Every structure is written in structure tokens, then in C-alpha cells.
Amino acid sequence: VVVTLFVAAFTVKLSHRFGRKELAVCGSLFGALIFFVVFLVQTENVWVYLGLYAISYVGLAVFSLITWAMITDVIDDTEVKSGERNDGTIYAVYSFSRKLGQAISSGLAGALLTAIGYSAKTQFDPKVTKGIYNLSCLIPVAGYLILALVLVFFYPLNKARVESNAAILAQKTNK
């Protein structure tokens, strides 16, 4: 919460200057980089780990904060393309996709713990604890990188397109 509140102070200004998509990509790459550093450091000090984790969370906090504006951008883009405003449908698809992702991630976490040999008997085994550490670093790296790639290659609403859509909708509203 503290990191998110800190990031909220400048996220809106940065998104206006650079664009939401562009800022989300940068935030994702920043998070991936910091988690990769955490993986390389292999610290045993919980405070160092938590400090680096908090720094990496800046990237996720930026994305989380602007996601809501990005949903509105999708709604606006759909209205420009189709002439209809489908707020409810678009938000429902987003909400369902988010819940589906949460369910898949829970199952994946269990599968990955099984893959590294975690059980009640092995929970403190050095090989298993190292595996948990590595998973806790490398899974976020992969997730952040996938997020950045999806945004770059599949999410079409860059700053210029969002501004164009806003101008079209403003002109439509003023008529």
C-alpha cells in the first residue's frame, strides 16, 4: 500500500506525458529488472529481500494504477470504431479475464511447488527453499516480461491513438 500511494503521486503526470501504454511497458520492464537483480543477489537477509521486493513493486504499482485508465481507453476506442459505448461488456470481459488469471496462477503456484519437491516433510530442505527463492524471483521476471511484450505487440492504444480517440469523442460530444 505504501509503495502504491508513493507511486500514485506521480503516475498520472507521467502517463499524461508519456502515455499509459508506454508507462506500463516501462513499469513492467523495471519490475523484471529488479526481480532479476534479486535473483542474482541470492540474499539470505529478509530485509534486503523485502527492500528489493518493494522497489520492484513500483513497476507493478504503476501498471495497477493505470490499468483502470487503460480500460477506459479500450472503451473509448471501441466507441470510436463501432459508434457504441460498451462500458459494461468491456469491463465484464476484463473482470472475467482477471479472475481467470488469478485461478490459473493459484494452480500454477501449486504445480511449481510440487515440481521443486515441496511437501510438509521437505519444506525446510535447502534445495526446496532455494527453489522457492528462485521461483519467487524468476516467475515475476517472466510475468513482467510477458506483460511488457503483450503491451508492445498486441495492445494498440499508444499515446497518439488515445489522444486521437479523445479528440474524436470530444468533437462528437460537442455537436
Protein backbone atom coordinates (compact mmCIF):
# COMPACT_ATOMS: atom_id res chain seq x y z
CA VAL A 1 0.00 0.00 0.00
CA VAL A 2 2.81 2.41 0.86
CA VAL A 3 4.54 1.79 -2.48
CA THR A 4 1.26 2.25 -4.37
CA LEU A 5 0.50 5.50 -2.56
CA PHE A 6 4.02 6.74 -3.30
CA VAL A 7 3.73 5.84 -6.99
CA ALA A 8 0.24 7.38 -7.23
CA ALA A 9 1.78 10.78 -6.59
CA PHE A 10 3.48 10.86 -9.99
CA THR A 11 1.83 8.17 -12.15
CA VAL A 12 -0.90 10.41 -13.57
CA LYS A 13 1.59 13.11 -14.58
CA LEU A 14 3.90 10.55 -16.19
CA SER A 15 1.03 8.88 -18.04
CA HIS A 16 -0.08 12.25 -19.46
CA ARG A 17 3.45 13.00 -20.59
CA PHE A 18 4.46 9.59 -21.99
CA GLY A 19 1.22 7.63 -22.41
CA ARG A 20 -0.34 4.86 -20.38
CA LYS A 21 0.80 2.00 -22.60
CA GLU A 22 4.32 3.37 -22.70
CA LEU A 23 4.42 3.85 -18.93
CA ALA A 24 3.03 0.36 -18.33
CA VAL A 25 5.77 -1.14 -20.52
CA CYS A 26 8.46 0.80 -18.63
CA GLY A 27 6.98 -0.20 -15.26
CA SER A 28 6.91 -3.85 -16.31
CA LEU A 29 10.50 -3.81 -17.53
CA PHE A 30 11.59 -2.04 -14.34
CA GLY A 31 9.90 -4.73 -12.21
CA ALA A 32 11.52 -7.50 -14.28
CA LEU A 33 14.95 -5.92 -13.94
CA ILE A 34 14.74 -5.53 -10.17
CA PHE A 35 13.46 -9.09 -9.65
CA PHE A 36 16.29 -10.36 -11.83
CA VAL A 37 18.73 -8.47 -9.60
CA VAL A 38 17.08 -10.09 -6.56
CA PHE A 39 17.60 -13.49 -8.22
CA LEU A 40 21.26 -12.72 -8.93
CA VAL A 41 21.91 -11.40 -5.41
CA GLN A 42 20.53 -14.57 -3.77
CA THR A 43 20.30 -12.75 -0.45
CA GLU A 44 19.56 -14.60 2.75
CA ASN A 45 18.74 -11.37 4.54
CA VAL A 46 14.96 -11.00 4.69
CA TRP A 47 15.19 -7.20 4.97
CA VAL A 48 17.29 -6.91 1.81
CA TYR A 49 14.83 -9.18 0.01
CA LEU A 50 11.83 -7.17 1.22
CA GLY A 51 13.52 -3.87 0.34
CA LEU A 52 14.29 -5.05 -3.20
CA TYR A 53 10.79 -6.51 -3.49
CA ALA A 54 9.30 -3.14 -2.51
CA ILE A 55 11.43 -1.43 -5.16
CA SER A 56 10.32 -3.95 -7.80
CA TYR A 57 6.71 -3.41 -6.79
CA VAL A 58 6.98 0.14 -8.12
CA GLY A 59 6.65 -1.35 -11.60
CA LEU A 60 3.56 -3.35 -10.71
CA ALA A 61 2.04 -0.43 -8.81
CA VAL A 62 2.39 1.81 -11.86
CA PHE A 63 0.68 -0.79 -14.03
CA SER A 64 -2.05 -1.45 -11.45
CA LEU A 65 -2.84 2.24 -11.13
CA ILE A 66 -3.10 2.93 -14.84
CA THR A 67 -4.95 -0.29 -15.68
CA TRP A 68 -8.22 1.42 -14.82
CA ALA A 69 -7.49 4.26 -17.24
CA MET A 70 -6.43 1.73 -19.88
CA ILE A 71 -9.83 0.04 -19.56
CA THR A 72 -11.46 3.40 -20.25
CA ASP A 73 -9.15 3.82 -23.25
CA VAL A 74 -10.39 0.47 -24.60
CA ILE A 75 -14.00 1.58 -24.07
CA ASP A 76 -13.30 4.85 -25.89
CA ASP A 77 -11.52 3.03 -28.74
CA THR A 78 -14.46 0.66 -29.13
CA GLU A 79 -16.85 3.60 -29.24
CA VAL A 80 -14.77 5.33 -31.92
CA LYS A 81 -14.68 2.13 -34.01
CA SER A 82 -18.28 0.93 -33.53
CA GLY A 83 -20.18 4.08 -32.62
CA GLU A 84 -21.50 2.35 -29.48
CA ARG A 85 -20.30 2.70 -25.89
CA ASN A 86 -20.00 -0.75 -24.30
CA ASP A 87 -18.69 0.00 -20.81
CA GLY A 88 -20.39 -2.95 -19.12
CA THR A 89 -19.39 -5.56 -21.68
CA ILE A 90 -15.76 -4.48 -21.79
CA TYR A 91 -15.46 -4.29 -18.02
CA ALA A 92 -17.16 -7.71 -17.67
CA VAL A 93 -14.63 -9.28 -20.06
CA TYR A 94 -11.79 -7.60 -18.16
CA SER A 95 -13.15 -8.76 -14.80
CA PHE A 96 -13.65 -12.33 -16.01
CA SER A 97 -10.15 -12.43 -17.54
CA ARG A 98 -8.65 -11.16 -14.32
CA LYS A 99 -10.44 -13.83 -12.26
CA LEU A 100 -9.40 -16.50 -14.73
CA GLY A 101 -5.79 -15.35 -14.45
CA GLN A 102 -5.96 -15.46 -10.65
CA ALA A 103 -7.30 -19.01 -10.74
CA ILE A 104 -4.64 -20.16 -13.20
CA SER A 105 -1.87 -18.54 -11.14
CA SER A 106 -3.03 -20.32 -7.99
CA GLY A 107 -2.93 -23.68 -9.74
CA LEU A 108 0.42 -22.87 -11.31
CA ALA A 109 1.90 -21.97 -7.91
CA GLY A 110 0.90 -25.36 -6.55
CA ALA A 111 2.29 -27.15 -9.60
CA LEU A 112 5.60 -25.29 -9.38
CA LEU A 113 5.95 -26.05 -5.67
CA THR A 114 5.35 -29.71 -6.45
CA ALA A 115 7.93 -29.54 -9.25
CA ILE A 116 10.65 -28.32 -6.87
CA GLY A 117 9.83 -31.07 -4.39
CA TYR A 118 7.95 -29.07 -1.76
CA SER A 119 5.97 -31.04 0.81
CA ALA A 120 5.31 -30.89 4.54
CA LYS A 121 8.40 -33.06 5.05
CA THR A 122 10.72 -31.11 2.74
CA GLN A 123 9.59 -27.56 3.46
CA PHE A 124 12.89 -26.60 5.12
CA ASP A 125 15.18 -28.64 2.91
CA PRO A 126 17.87 -26.30 1.49
CA LYS A 127 17.19 -27.47 -2.08
CA VAL A 128 13.49 -26.70 -1.68
CA THR A 129 13.98 -23.31 0.00
CA LYS A 130 16.42 -22.33 -2.77
CA GLY A 131 13.82 -23.46 -5.30
CA ILE A 132 11.16 -21.33 -3.60
CA TYR A 133 13.51 -18.34 -3.63
CA ASN A 134 14.28 -18.83 -7.30
CA LEU A 135 10.60 -19.23 -8.18
CA SER A 136 9.71 -16.11 -6.17
CA CYS A 137 12.18 -14.17 -8.32
CA LEU A 138 12.00 -15.77 -11.76
CA ILE A 139 8.21 -16.11 -12.04
CA PRO A 140 7.75 -12.34 -11.57
CA VAL A 141 10.57 -11.71 -14.09
CA ALA A 142 8.76 -13.89 -16.63
CA GLY A 143 5.40 -12.32 -15.81
CA TYR A 144 6.67 -8.76 -16.13
CA LEU A 145 8.42 -9.57 -19.42
CA ILE A 146 5.33 -11.26 -20.85
CA LEU A 147 3.23 -8.27 -19.79
CA ALA A 148 5.65 -5.87 -21.50
CA LEU A 149 5.69 -7.96 -24.69
CA VAL A 150 1.90 -8.22 -24.80
CA LEU A 151 1.58 -4.47 -24.37
CA VAL A 152 4.18 -3.70 -27.03
CA PHE A 153 2.93 -6.15 -29.66
CA PHE A 154 -0.79 -6.63 -29.00
CA TYR A 155 -2.15 -3.57 -27.18
CA PRO A 156 -2.70 -0.94 -29.89
CA LEU A 157 -3.62 2.05 -27.72
CA ASN A 158 -0.45 4.09 -27.58
CA LYS A 159 -0.43 7.74 -26.53
CA ALA A 160 -1.13 9.08 -30.03
CA ARG A 161 -4.12 6.80 -30.59
CA VAL A 162 -5.62 7.54 -27.16
CA GLU A 163 -5.30 11.29 -27.81
CA SER A 164 -6.85 10.89 -31.27
CA ASN A 165 -9.76 8.91 -29.82
CA ALA A 166 -10.27 11.56 -27.12
CA ALA A 167 -10.38 14.30 -29.75
CA ILE A 168 -12.89 12.34 -31.88
CA LEU A 169 -15.14 11.69 -28.88
CA ALA A 170 -14.88 15.32 -27.71
CA GLN A 171 -15.89 16.53 -31.15
CA LYS A 172 -18.77 14.04 -31.20
CA THR A 173 -19.97 15.20 -27.77
CA ASN A 174 -19.77 18.90 -28.65
CA LYS A 175 -22.04 18.55 -31.71
